[in-house]
Full PDB file with SEQRES, HELIX, SHEET, SSBOND, CRYST1, ORIGX, SCALE, CONECT and MASTER records, all heavy atoms in Angstrom:
SEQRES   1 A   40  PRO LEU ALA HIS LEU GLY HIS ARG LEU THR ALA VAL ASP          
SEQRES   2 A   40  LYS SER SER ILE ALA LEU ALA ALA PHE HIS HIS PRO ASN          
SEQRES   3 A   40  ILE VAL HIS ALA CYS HIS ASP LEU GLU THR ALA ALA TRP          
SEQRES   4 A   40  PRO                                                          
HELIX    1 AA1 SER A   16  ALA A   20  1                                   5    
SHEET    1 AA1 2 LEU A   9  ASP A  13  0                                        
SHEET    2 AA1 2 ILE A  27  CYS A  31  1                                        
CRYST1    1.000    1.000    1.000  90.00  90.00  90.00 P 1           1          
ORIGX1      1.000000  0.000000  0.000000        0.00000                         
ORIGX2      0.000000  1.000000  0.000000        0.00000                         
ORIGX3      0.000000  0.000000  1.000000        0.00000                         
SCALE1      1.000000  0.000000  0.000000        0.00000                         
SCALE2      0.000000  1.000000  0.000000        0.00000                         
SCALE3      0.000000  0.000000  1.000000        0.00000                         
ATOM      1  N   PRO A   1      94.769  93.380 116.508  1.00  0.00           N  
ATOM      2  CA  PRO A   1      94.262  93.014 117.832  1.00  0.00           C  
ATOM      3  C   PRO A   1      92.909  92.300 117.763  1.00  0.00           C  
ATOM      4  O   PRO A   1      92.652  91.372 118.538  1.00  0.00           O  
ATOM      5  CB  PRO A   1      94.145  94.333 118.583  1.00  0.00           C  
ATOM      6  CG  PRO A   1      94.771  95.372 117.753  1.00  0.00           C  
ATOM      7  CD  PRO A   1      95.037  94.805 116.396  1.00  0.00           C  
ATOM      8  N   LEU A   2      92.053  92.712 116.828  1.00  0.00           N  
ATOM      9  CA  LEU A   2      90.750  92.059 116.702  1.00  0.00           C  
ATOM     10  C   LEU A   2      90.900  90.632 116.177  1.00  0.00           C  
ATOM     11  O   LEU A   2      90.213  89.722 116.625  1.00  0.00           O  
ATOM     12  CB  LEU A   2      89.841  92.884 115.806  1.00  0.00           C  
ATOM     13  CG  LEU A   2      89.441  94.259 116.377  1.00  0.00           C  
ATOM     14  CD1 LEU A   2      88.731  95.093 115.322  1.00  0.00           C  
ATOM     15  CD2 LEU A   2      88.590  94.101 117.623  1.00  0.00           C  
ATOM     16  N   ALA A   3      91.819  90.426 115.254  1.00  0.00           N  
ATOM     17  CA  ALA A   3      92.081  89.077 114.746  1.00  0.00           C  
ATOM     18  C   ALA A   3      92.629  88.180 115.851  1.00  0.00           C  
ATOM     19  O   ALA A   3      92.255  87.011 115.962  1.00  0.00           O  
ATOM     20  CB  ALA A   3      93.051  89.125 113.572  1.00  0.00           C  
ATOM     21  N   HIS A   4      93.491  88.731 116.689  1.00  0.00           N  
ATOM     22  CA  HIS A   4      94.040  87.953 117.806  1.00  0.00           C  
ATOM     23  C   HIS A   4      92.951  87.553 118.798  1.00  0.00           C  
ATOM     24  O   HIS A   4      93.102  86.559 119.513  1.00  0.00           O  
ATOM     25  CB  HIS A   4      95.145  88.732 118.519  1.00  0.00           C  
ATOM     26  CG  HIS A   4      96.430  88.794 117.760  1.00  0.00           C  
ATOM     27  ND1 HIS A   4      97.184  87.692 117.448  1.00  0.00           N  
ATOM     28  CD2 HIS A   4      97.104  89.858 117.232  1.00  0.00           C  
ATOM     29  CE1 HIS A   4      98.259  88.040 116.774  1.00  0.00           C  
ATOM     30  NE2 HIS A   4      98.222  89.360 116.609  1.00  0.00           N  
ATOM     31  N   LEU A   5      91.866  88.306 118.833  1.00  0.00           N  
ATOM     32  CA  LEU A   5      90.738  87.970 119.706  1.00  0.00           C  
ATOM     33  C   LEU A   5      89.796  86.951 119.060  1.00  0.00           C  
ATOM     34  O   LEU A   5      88.792  86.587 119.655  1.00  0.00           O  
ATOM     35  CB  LEU A   5      89.965  89.235 120.083  1.00  0.00           C  
ATOM     36  CG  LEU A   5      90.713  90.208 120.999  1.00  0.00           C  
ATOM     37  CD1 LEU A   5      89.929  91.509 121.136  1.00  0.00           C  
ATOM     38  CD2 LEU A   5      90.954  89.564 122.360  1.00  0.00           C  
ATOM     39  N   GLY A   6      90.100  86.533 117.845  1.00  0.00           N  
ATOM     40  CA  GLY A   6      89.307  85.505 117.183  1.00  0.00           C  
ATOM     41  C   GLY A   6      88.326  86.001 116.145  1.00  0.00           C  
ATOM     42  O   GLY A   6      87.577  85.204 115.571  1.00  0.00           O  
ATOM     43  N   HIS A   7      88.289  87.300 115.901  1.00  0.00           N  
ATOM     44  CA  HIS A   7      87.384  87.838 114.888  1.00  0.00           C  
ATOM     45  C   HIS A   7      87.986  87.641 113.496  1.00  0.00           C  
ATOM     46  O   HIS A   7      89.193  87.501 113.337  1.00  0.00           O  
ATOM     47  CB  HIS A   7      87.108  89.321 115.151  1.00  0.00           C  
ATOM     48  CG  HIS A   7      86.490  89.561 116.490  1.00  0.00           C  
ATOM     49  ND1 HIS A   7      85.213  89.148 116.810  1.00  0.00           N  
ATOM     50  CD2 HIS A   7      86.977  90.133 117.615  1.00  0.00           C  
ATOM     51  CE1 HIS A   7      84.934  89.477 118.048  1.00  0.00           C  
ATOM     52  NE2 HIS A   7      85.994  90.074 118.569  1.00  0.00           N  
ATOM     53  N   ARG A   8      87.129  87.627 112.483  1.00  0.00           N  
ATOM     54  CA  ARG A   8      87.542  87.486 111.085  1.00  0.00           C  
ATOM     55  C   ARG A   8      87.440  88.850 110.422  1.00  0.00           C  
ATOM     56  O   ARG A   8      86.387  89.486 110.497  1.00  0.00           O  
ATOM     57  CB  ARG A   8      86.646  86.474 110.369  1.00  0.00           C  
ATOM     58  CG  ARG A   8      86.804  85.062 110.923  1.00  0.00           C  
ATOM     59  CD  ARG A   8      85.709  84.124 110.437  1.00  0.00           C  
ATOM     60  NE  ARG A   8      84.475  84.395 111.192  1.00  0.00           N  
ATOM     61  CZ  ARG A   8      83.354  84.889 110.677  1.00  0.00           C  
ATOM     62  NH1 ARG A   8      83.247  85.126 109.405  1.00  0.00           N  
ATOM     63  NH2 ARG A   8      82.305  85.107 111.439  1.00  0.00           N  
ATOM     64  N   LEU A   9      88.520  89.296 109.820  1.00  0.00           N  
ATOM     65  CA  LEU A   9      88.548  90.643 109.265  1.00  0.00           C  
ATOM     66  C   LEU A   9      88.801  90.677 107.777  1.00  0.00           C  
ATOM     67  O   LEU A   9      89.542  89.847 107.255  1.00  0.00           O  
ATOM     68  CB  LEU A   9      89.652  91.466 109.950  1.00  0.00           C  
ATOM     69  CG  LEU A   9      89.234  91.923 111.345  1.00  0.00           C  
ATOM     70  CD1 LEU A   9      89.783  91.038 112.394  1.00  0.00           C  
ATOM     71  CD2 LEU A   9      89.545  93.358 111.543  1.00  0.00           C  
ATOM     72  N   THR A  10      88.189  91.667 107.139  1.00  0.00           N  
ATOM     73  CA  THR A  10      88.548  92.064 105.792  1.00  0.00           C  
ATOM     74  C   THR A  10      89.175  93.437 105.953  1.00  0.00           C  
ATOM     75  O   THR A  10      88.510  94.384 106.379  1.00  0.00           O  
ATOM     76  CB  THR A  10      87.319  92.121 104.864  1.00  0.00           C  
ATOM     77  OG1 THR A  10      86.752  90.818 104.786  1.00  0.00           O  
ATOM     78  CG2 THR A  10      87.703  92.600 103.479  1.00  0.00           C  
ATOM     79  N   ALA A  11      90.463  93.526 105.680  1.00  0.00           N  
ATOM     80  CA  ALA A  11      91.218  94.757 105.861  1.00  0.00           C  
ATOM     81  C   ALA A  11      91.443  95.398 104.497  1.00  0.00           C  
ATOM     82  O   ALA A  11      92.087  94.816 103.633  1.00  0.00           O  
ATOM     83  CB  ALA A  11      92.552  94.453 106.541  1.00  0.00           C  
ATOM     84  N   VAL A  12      90.887  96.596 104.304  1.00  0.00           N  
ATOM     85  CA  VAL A  12      90.946  97.281 103.011  1.00  0.00           C  
ATOM     86  C   VAL A  12      91.792  98.546 103.136  1.00  0.00           C  
ATOM     87  O   VAL A  12      91.588  99.347 104.055  1.00  0.00           O  
ATOM     88  CB  VAL A  12      89.528  97.661 102.520  1.00  0.00           C  
ATOM     89  CG1 VAL A  12      89.585  98.380 101.190  1.00  0.00           C  
ATOM     90  CG2 VAL A  12      88.634  96.435 102.452  1.00  0.00           C  
ATOM     91  N   ASP A  13      92.722  98.698 102.213  1.00  0.00           N  
ATOM     92  CA  ASP A  13      93.522  99.922 102.152  1.00  0.00           C  
ATOM     93  C   ASP A  13      93.990 100.097 100.714  1.00  0.00           C  
ATOM     94  O   ASP A  13      94.099  99.121  99.974  1.00  0.00           O  
ATOM     95  CB  ASP A  13      94.722  99.850 103.093  1.00  0.00           C  
ATOM     96  CG  ASP A  13      95.258 101.240 103.428  1.00  0.00           C  
ATOM     97  OD1 ASP A  13      96.021 101.811 102.629  1.00  0.00           O  
ATOM     98  OD2 ASP A  13      94.874 101.762 104.494  1.00  0.00           O  
ATOM     99  N   LYS A  14      94.284 101.334 100.331  1.00  0.00           N  
ATOM    100  CA  LYS A  14      94.774 101.564  98.970  1.00  0.00           C  
ATOM    101  C   LYS A  14      96.273 101.303  98.850  1.00  0.00           C  
ATOM    102  O   LYS A  14      96.802 101.233  97.759  1.00  0.00           O  
ATOM    103  CB  LYS A  14      94.437 102.981  98.496  1.00  0.00           C  
ATOM    104  CG  LYS A  14      95.162 104.088  99.209  1.00  0.00           C  
ATOM    105  CD  LYS A  14      94.741 105.430  98.641  1.00  0.00           C  
ATOM    106  CE  LYS A  14      95.452 106.569  99.310  1.00  0.00           C  
ATOM    107  NZ  LYS A  14      95.051 107.859  98.725  1.00  0.00           N  
ATOM    108  N   SER A  15      96.954 101.133  99.972  1.00  0.00           N  
ATOM    109  CA  SER A  15      98.397 100.924  99.962  1.00  0.00           C  
ATOM    110  C   SER A  15      98.757  99.442 100.115  1.00  0.00           C  
ATOM    111  O   SER A  15      98.558  98.854 101.183  1.00  0.00           O  
ATOM    112  CB  SER A  15      99.058 101.715 101.096  1.00  0.00           C  
ATOM    113  OG  SER A  15     100.420 101.351 101.215  1.00  0.00           O  
ATOM    114  N   SER A  16      99.297  98.874  99.067  1.00  0.00           N  
ATOM    115  CA  SER A  16      99.750  97.484  99.149  1.00  0.00           C  
ATOM    116  C   SER A  16     100.933  97.358 100.108  1.00  0.00           C  
ATOM    117  O   SER A  16     101.116  96.312 100.747  1.00  0.00           O  
ATOM    118  CB  SER A  16     100.131  96.959  97.766  1.00  0.00           C  
ATOM    119  OG  SER A  16     101.166  97.735  97.205  1.00  0.00           O  
ATOM    120  N   ILE A  17     101.701  98.424 100.260  1.00  0.00           N  
ATOM    121  CA  ILE A  17     102.829  98.413 101.198  1.00  0.00           C  
ATOM    122  C   ILE A  17     102.315  98.324 102.630  1.00  0.00           C  
ATOM    123  O   ILE A  17     102.837  97.552 103.441  1.00  0.00           O  
ATOM    124  CB  ILE A  17     103.715  99.656 100.997  1.00  0.00           C  
ATOM    125  CG1 ILE A  17     104.365  99.610  99.611  1.00  0.00           C  
ATOM    126  CG2 ILE A  17     104.770  99.780 102.093  1.00  0.00           C  
ATOM    127  CD1 ILE A  17     105.047 100.882  99.184  1.00  0.00           C  
ATOM    128  N   ALA A  18     101.284  99.100 102.959  1.00  0.00           N  
ATOM    129  CA  ALA A  18     100.705  99.038 104.305  1.00  0.00           C  
ATOM    130  C   ALA A  18     100.129  97.650 104.570  1.00  0.00           C  
ATOM    131  O   ALA A  18     100.342  97.069 105.639  1.00  0.00           O  
ATOM    132  CB  ALA A  18      99.630 100.105 104.469  1.00  0.00           C  
ATOM    133  N   LEU A  19      99.420  97.098 103.606  1.00  0.00           N  
ATOM    134  CA  LEU A  19      98.822  95.771 103.788  1.00  0.00           C  
ATOM    135  C   LEU A  19      99.881  94.688 103.972  1.00  0.00           C  
ATOM    136  O   LEU A  19      99.665  93.732 104.714  1.00  0.00           O  
ATOM    137  CB  LEU A  19      97.918  95.431 102.600  1.00  0.00           C  
ATOM    138  CG  LEU A  19      96.642  96.268 102.478  1.00  0.00           C  
ATOM    139  CD1 LEU A  19      95.966  95.985 101.147  1.00  0.00           C  
ATOM    140  CD2 LEU A  19      95.701  96.007 103.638  1.00  0.00           C  
ATOM    141  N   ALA A  20     101.008  94.849 103.323  1.00  0.00           N  
ATOM    142  CA  ALA A  20     102.082  93.853 103.434  1.00  0.00           C  
ATOM    143  C   ALA A  20     102.755  93.886 104.804  1.00  0.00           C  
ATOM    144  O   ALA A  20     103.485  92.958 105.153  1.00  0.00           O  
ATOM    145  CB  ALA A  20     103.113  94.076 102.342  1.00  0.00           C  
ATOM    146  N   ALA A  21     102.482  94.913 105.589  1.00  0.00           N  
ATOM    147  CA  ALA A  21     103.143  95.077 106.881  1.00  0.00           C  
ATOM    148  C   ALA A  21     102.555  94.194 107.983  1.00  0.00           C  
ATOM    149  O   ALA A  21     103.137  94.089 109.055  1.00  0.00           O  
ATOM    150  CB  ALA A  21     103.081  96.545 107.320  1.00  0.00           C  
ATOM    151  N   PHE A  22     101.411  93.566 107.729  1.00  0.00           N  
ATOM    152  CA  PHE A  22     100.808  92.735 108.777  1.00  0.00           C  
ATOM    153  C   PHE A  22     100.124  91.524 108.172  1.00  0.00           C  
ATOM    154  O   PHE A  22      99.620  91.565 107.061  1.00  0.00           O  
ATOM    155  CB  PHE A  22      99.833  93.550 109.636  1.00  0.00           C  
ATOM    156  CG  PHE A  22      98.602  94.030 108.919  1.00  0.00           C  
ATOM    157  CD1 PHE A  22      97.401  93.357 109.054  1.00  0.00           C  
ATOM    158  CD2 PHE A  22      98.636  95.158 108.118  1.00  0.00           C  
ATOM    159  CE1 PHE A  22      96.259  93.796 108.408  1.00  0.00           C  
ATOM    160  CE2 PHE A  22      97.496  95.612 107.464  1.00  0.00           C  
ATOM    161  CZ  PHE A  22      96.308  94.919 107.626  1.00  0.00           C  
ATOM    162  N   HIS A  23     100.131  90.445 108.940  1.00  0.00           N  
ATOM    163  CA  HIS A  23      99.521  89.186 108.509  1.00  0.00           C  
ATOM    164  C   HIS A  23      98.924  88.468 109.701  1.00  0.00           C  
ATOM    165  O   HIS A  23      99.442  88.557 110.812  1.00  0.00           O  
ATOM    166  CB  HIS A  23     100.563  88.269 107.854  1.00  0.00           C  
ATOM    167  CG  HIS A  23     101.212  88.875 106.660  1.00  0.00           C  
ATOM    168  ND1 HIS A  23     100.611  88.898 105.430  1.00  0.00           N  
ATOM    169  CD2 HIS A  23     102.400  89.501 106.519  1.00  0.00           C  
ATOM    170  CE1 HIS A  23     101.401  89.514 104.575  1.00  0.00           C  
ATOM    171  NE2 HIS A  23     102.490  89.894 105.212  1.00  0.00           N  
ATOM    172  N   HIS A  24      97.849  87.791 109.477  1.00  0.00           N  
ATOM    173  CA  HIS A  24      97.216  86.933 110.479  1.00  0.00           C  
ATOM    174  C   HIS A  24      96.259  86.027 109.715  1.00  0.00           C  
ATOM    175  O   HIS A  24      95.624  86.466 108.753  1.00  0.00           O  
ATOM    176  CB  HIS A  24      96.452  87.773 111.514  1.00  0.00           C  
ATOM    177  CG  HIS A  24      95.974  86.987 112.677  1.00  0.00           C  
ATOM    178  ND1 HIS A  24      94.845  86.205 112.623  1.00  0.00           N  
ATOM    179  CD2 HIS A  24      96.479  86.852 113.925  1.00  0.00           C  
ATOM    180  CE1 HIS A  24      94.670  85.627 113.806  1.00  0.00           C  
ATOM    181  NE2 HIS A  24      95.653  85.999 114.603  1.00  0.00           N  
ATOM    182  N   PRO A  25      96.124  84.770 110.132  1.00  0.00           N  
ATOM    183  CA  PRO A  25      95.223  83.858 109.405  1.00  0.00           C  
ATOM    184  C   PRO A  25      93.766  84.318 109.369  1.00  0.00           C  
ATOM    185  O   PRO A  25      93.018  83.918 108.483  1.00  0.00           O  
ATOM    186  CB  PRO A  25      95.347  82.535 110.156  1.00  0.00           C  
ATOM    187  CG  PRO A  25      96.492  82.665 111.078  1.00  0.00           C  
ATOM    188  CD  PRO A  25      96.839  84.106 111.214  1.00  0.00           C  
ATOM    189  N   ASN A  26      93.353  85.167 110.306  1.00  0.00           N  
ATOM    190  CA  ASN A  26      91.965  85.645 110.351  1.00  0.00           C  
ATOM    191  C   ASN A  26      91.749  86.915 109.537  1.00  0.00           C  
ATOM    192  O   ASN A  26      90.664  87.488 109.587  1.00  0.00           O  
ATOM    193  CB  ASN A  26      91.535  85.914 111.795  1.00  0.00           C  
ATOM    194  CG  ASN A  26      91.342  84.656 112.596  1.00  0.00           C  
ATOM    195  OD1 ASN A  26      91.469  83.546 112.090  1.00  0.00           O  
ATOM    196  ND2 ASN A  26      91.057  84.806 113.876  1.00  0.00           N  
ATOM    197  N   ILE A  27      92.767  87.362 108.819  1.00  0.00           N  
ATOM    198  CA  ILE A  27      92.665  88.616 108.065  1.00  0.00           C  
ATOM    199  C   ILE A  27      92.817  88.359 106.576  1.00  0.00           C  
ATOM    200  O   ILE A  27      93.769  87.723 106.139  1.00  0.00           O  
ATOM    201  CB  ILE A  27      93.739  89.629 108.519  1.00  0.00           C  
ATOM    202  CG1 ILE A  27      93.570  89.972 110.000  1.00  0.00           C  
ATOM    203  CG2 ILE A  27      93.662  90.898 107.669  1.00  0.00           C  
ATOM    204  CD1 ILE A  27      94.669  90.848 110.556  1.00  0.00           C  
ATOM    205  N   VAL A  28      91.849  88.881 105.820  1.00  0.00           N  
ATOM    206  CA  VAL A  28      91.926  88.887 104.359  1.00  0.00           C  
ATOM    207  C   VAL A  28      92.225  90.319 103.947  1.00  0.00           C  
ATOM    208  O   VAL A  28      91.523  91.246 104.354  1.00  0.00           O  
ATOM    209  CB  VAL A  28      90.584  88.419 103.728  1.00  0.00           C  
ATOM    210  CG1 VAL A  28      90.618  88.587 102.223  1.00  0.00           C  
ATOM    211  CG2 VAL A  28      90.279  86.998 104.124  1.00  0.00           C  
ATOM    212  N   HIS A  29      93.281  90.507 103.160  1.00  0.00           N  
ATOM    213  CA  HIS A  29      93.654  91.829 102.672  1.00  0.00           C  
ATOM    214  C   HIS A  29      92.944  92.125 101.350  1.00  0.00           C  
ATOM    215  O   HIS A  29      92.782  91.231 100.521  1.00  0.00           O  
ATOM    216  CB  HIS A  29      95.162  91.919 102.424  1.00  0.00           C  
ATOM    217  CG  HIS A  29      95.982  91.810 103.652  1.00  0.00           C  
ATOM    218  ND1 HIS A  29      96.761  90.733 103.909  1.00  0.00           N  
ATOM    219  CD2 HIS A  29      96.139  92.655 104.696  1.00  0.00           C  
ATOM    220  CE1 HIS A  29      97.377  90.909 105.065  1.00  0.00           C  
ATOM    221  NE2 HIS A  29      97.016  92.065 105.565  1.00  0.00           N  
ATOM    222  N   ALA A  30      92.565  93.397 101.171  1.00  0.00           N  
ATOM    223  CA  ALA A  30      91.984  93.848  99.907  1.00  0.00           C  
ATOM    224  C   ALA A  30      92.579  95.218  99.594  1.00  0.00           C  
ATOM    225  O   ALA A  30      92.374  96.172 100.344  1.00  0.00           O  
ATOM    226  CB  ALA A  30      90.468  93.927 100.009  1.00  0.00           C  
ATOM    227  N   CYS A  31      93.335  95.294  98.522  1.00  0.00           N  
ATOM    228  CA  CYS A  31      93.966  96.547  98.125  1.00  0.00           C  
ATOM    229  C   CYS A  31      93.049  97.264  97.132  1.00  0.00           C  
ATOM    230  O   CYS A  31      92.918  96.841  95.976  1.00  0.00           O  
ATOM    231  CB  CYS A  31      95.338  96.271  97.512  1.00  0.00           C  
ATOM    232  SG  CYS A  31      96.292  97.768  97.218  1.00  0.00           S  
ATOM    233  N   HIS A  32      92.407  98.337  97.593  1.00  0.00           N  
ATOM    234  CA  HIS A  32      91.471  99.110  96.765  1.00  0.00           C  
ATOM    235  C   HIS A  32      91.533 100.575  97.159  1.00  0.00           C  
ATOM    236  O   HIS A  32      91.618 100.889  98.345  1.00  0.00           O  
ATOM    237  CB  HIS A  32      90.026  98.633  96.949  1.00  0.00           C  
ATOM    238  CG  HIS A  32      89.780  97.252  96.480  1.00  0.00           C  
ATOM    239  ND1 HIS A  32      89.700  96.917  95.146  1.00  0.00           N  
ATOM    240  CD2 HIS A  32      89.614  96.103  97.154  1.00  0.00           C  
ATOM    241  CE1 HIS A  32      89.482  95.622  95.031  1.00  0.00           C  
ATOM    242  NE2 HIS A  32      89.430  95.105  96.246  1.00  0.00           N  
ATOM    243  N   ASP A  33      91.439 101.449  96.193  1.00  0.00           N  
ATOM    244  CA  ASP A  33      91.313 102.882  96.441  1.00  0.00           C  
ATOM    245  C   ASP A  33      89.822 103.183  96.443  1.00  0.00           C  
ATOM    246  O   ASP A  33      89.194 103.273  95.384  1.00  0.00           O  
ATOM    247  CB  ASP A  33      92.046 103.688  95.369  1.00  0.00           C  
ATOM    248  CG  ASP A  33      92.039 105.173  95.667  1.00  0.00           C  
ATOM    249  OD1 ASP A  33      91.224 105.632  96.504  1.00  0.00           O  
ATOM    250  OD2 ASP A  33      92.853 105.896  95.061  1.00  0.00           O  
ATOM    251  N   LEU A  34      89.258 103.322  97.610  1.00  0.00           N  
ATOM    252  CA  LEU A  34      87.815 103.496  97.749  1.00  0.00           C  
ATOM    253  C   LEU A  34      87.328 104.861  97.273  1.00  0.00           C  
ATOM    254  O   LEU A  34      86.137 105.056  97.089  1.00  0.00           O  
ATOM    255  CB  LEU A  34      87.404 103.274  99.202  1.00  0.00           C  
ATOM    256  CG  LEU A  34      87.680 101.861  99.723  1.00  0.00           C  
ATOM    257  CD1 LEU A  34      87.455 101.795 101.226  1.00  0.00           C  
ATOM    258  CD2 LEU A  34      86.811 100.848  99.009  1.00  0.00           C  
ATOM    259  N   GLU A  35      88.246 105.789  97.078  1.00  0.00           N  
ATOM    260  CA  GLU A  35      87.849 107.125  96.622  1.00  0.00           C  
ATOM    261  C   GLU A  35      87.736 107.220  95.110  1.00  0.00           C  
ATOM    262  O   GLU A  35      87.052 108.095  94.594  1.00  0.00           O  
ATOM    263  CB  GLU A  35      88.834 108.165  97.152  1.00  0.00           C  
ATOM    264  CG  GLU A  35      88.793 108.276  98.665  1.00  0.00           C  
ATOM    265  CD  GLU A  35      89.802 109.269  99.207  1.00  0.00           C  
ATOM    266  OE1 GLU A  35      90.511 109.918  98.414  1.00  0.00           O  
ATOM    267  OE2 GLU A  35      89.883 109.380 100.431  1.00  0.00           O  
ATOM    268  N   THR A  36      88.404 106.334  94.374  1.00  0.00           N  
ATOM    269  CA  THR A  36      88.403 106.450  92.925  1.00  0.00           C  
ATOM    270  C   THR A  36      87.883 105.210  92.203  1.00  0.00           C  
ATOM    271  O   THR A  36      87.625 105.275  91.003  1.00  0.00           O  
ATOM    272  CB  THR A  36      89.822 106.750  92.399  1.00  0.00           C  
ATOM    273  OG1 THR A  36      90.691 105.675  92.763  1.00  0.00           O  
ATOM    274  CG2 THR A  36      90.367 108.048  92.976  1.00  0.00           C  
ATOM    275  N   ALA A  37      87.757 104.100  92.894  1.00  0.00           N  
ATOM    276  CA  ALA A  37      87.330 102.862  92.246  1.00  0.00           C  
ATOM    277  C   ALA A  37      85.931 102.471  92.717  1.00  0.00           C  
ATOM    278  O   ALA A  37      85.424 102.984  93.721  1.00  0.00           O  
ATOM    279  CB  ALA A  37      88.320 101.738  92.566  1.00  0.00           C  
ATOM    280  N   ALA A  38      85.323 101.561  92.002  1.00  0.00           N  
ATOM    281  CA  ALA A  38      83.997 101.061  92.385  1.00  0.00           C  
ATOM    282  C   ALA A  38      84.103 100.277  93.696  1.00  0.00           C  
ATOM    283  O   ALA A  38      85.155  99.736  94.034  1.00  0.00           O  
ATOM    284  CB  ALA A  38      83.454 100.157  91.278  1.00  0.00           C  
ATOM    285  N   TRP A  39      83.007 100.224  94.417  1.00  0.00           N  
ATOM    286  CA  TRP A  39      82.948  99.489  95.684  1.00  0.00           C  
ATOM    287  C   TRP A  39      83.294  98.023  95.426  1.00  0.00           C  
ATOM    288  O   TRP A  39      82.624  97.354  94.646  1.00  0.00           O  
ATOM    289  CB  TRP A  39      81.561  99.617  96.295  1.00  0.00           C  
ATOM    290  CG  TRP A  39      81.402  98.886  97.589  1.00  0.00           C  
ATOM    291  CD1 TRP A  39      80.635  97.783  97.800  1.00  0.00           C  
ATOM    292  CD2 TRP A  39      82.014  99.192  98.846  1.00  0.00           C  
ATOM    293  NE1 TRP A  39      80.734  97.376  99.112  1.00  0.00           N  
ATOM    294  CE2 TRP A  39      81.582  98.231  99.773  1.00  0.00           C  
ATOM    295  CE3 TRP A  39      82.898 100.178  99.272  1.00  0.00           C  
ATOM    296  CZ2 TRP A  39      81.988  98.241 101.096  1.00  0.00           C  
ATOM    297  CZ3 TRP A  39      83.304 100.178 100.588  1.00  0.00           C  
ATOM    298  CH2 TRP A  39      82.841  99.219 101.483  1.00  0.00           C  
ATOM    299  N   PRO A  40      84.346  97.510  96.081  1.00  0.00           N  
ATOM    300  CA  PRO A  40      84.822  96.149  95.766  1.00  0.00           C  
ATOM    301  C   PRO A  40      84.124  95.029  96.520  1.00  0.00           C  
ATOM    302  O   PRO A  40      84.377  93.865  96.247  1.00  0.00           O  
ATOM    303  CB  PRO A  40      86.296  96.223  96.189  1.00  0.00           C  
ATOM    304  CG  PRO A  40      86.284  97.174  97.335  1.00  0.00           C  
ATOM    305  CD  PRO A  40      85.243  98.209  96.967  1.00  0.00           C  
TER     306      PRO A  40                                                      
MASTER        0    0    0    1    2    0    0    6  305    1    0    4          
END                                                                             
């Protein structure tokens, strides 16, 4: 919804399956486990 309003997003999740479920030109996906990996 925020991307549809014209905002630019970096969407971070540890699940590549969840990230693959949505797309928008204003969204950059980043697959990272923030609990076990270094800050990306």
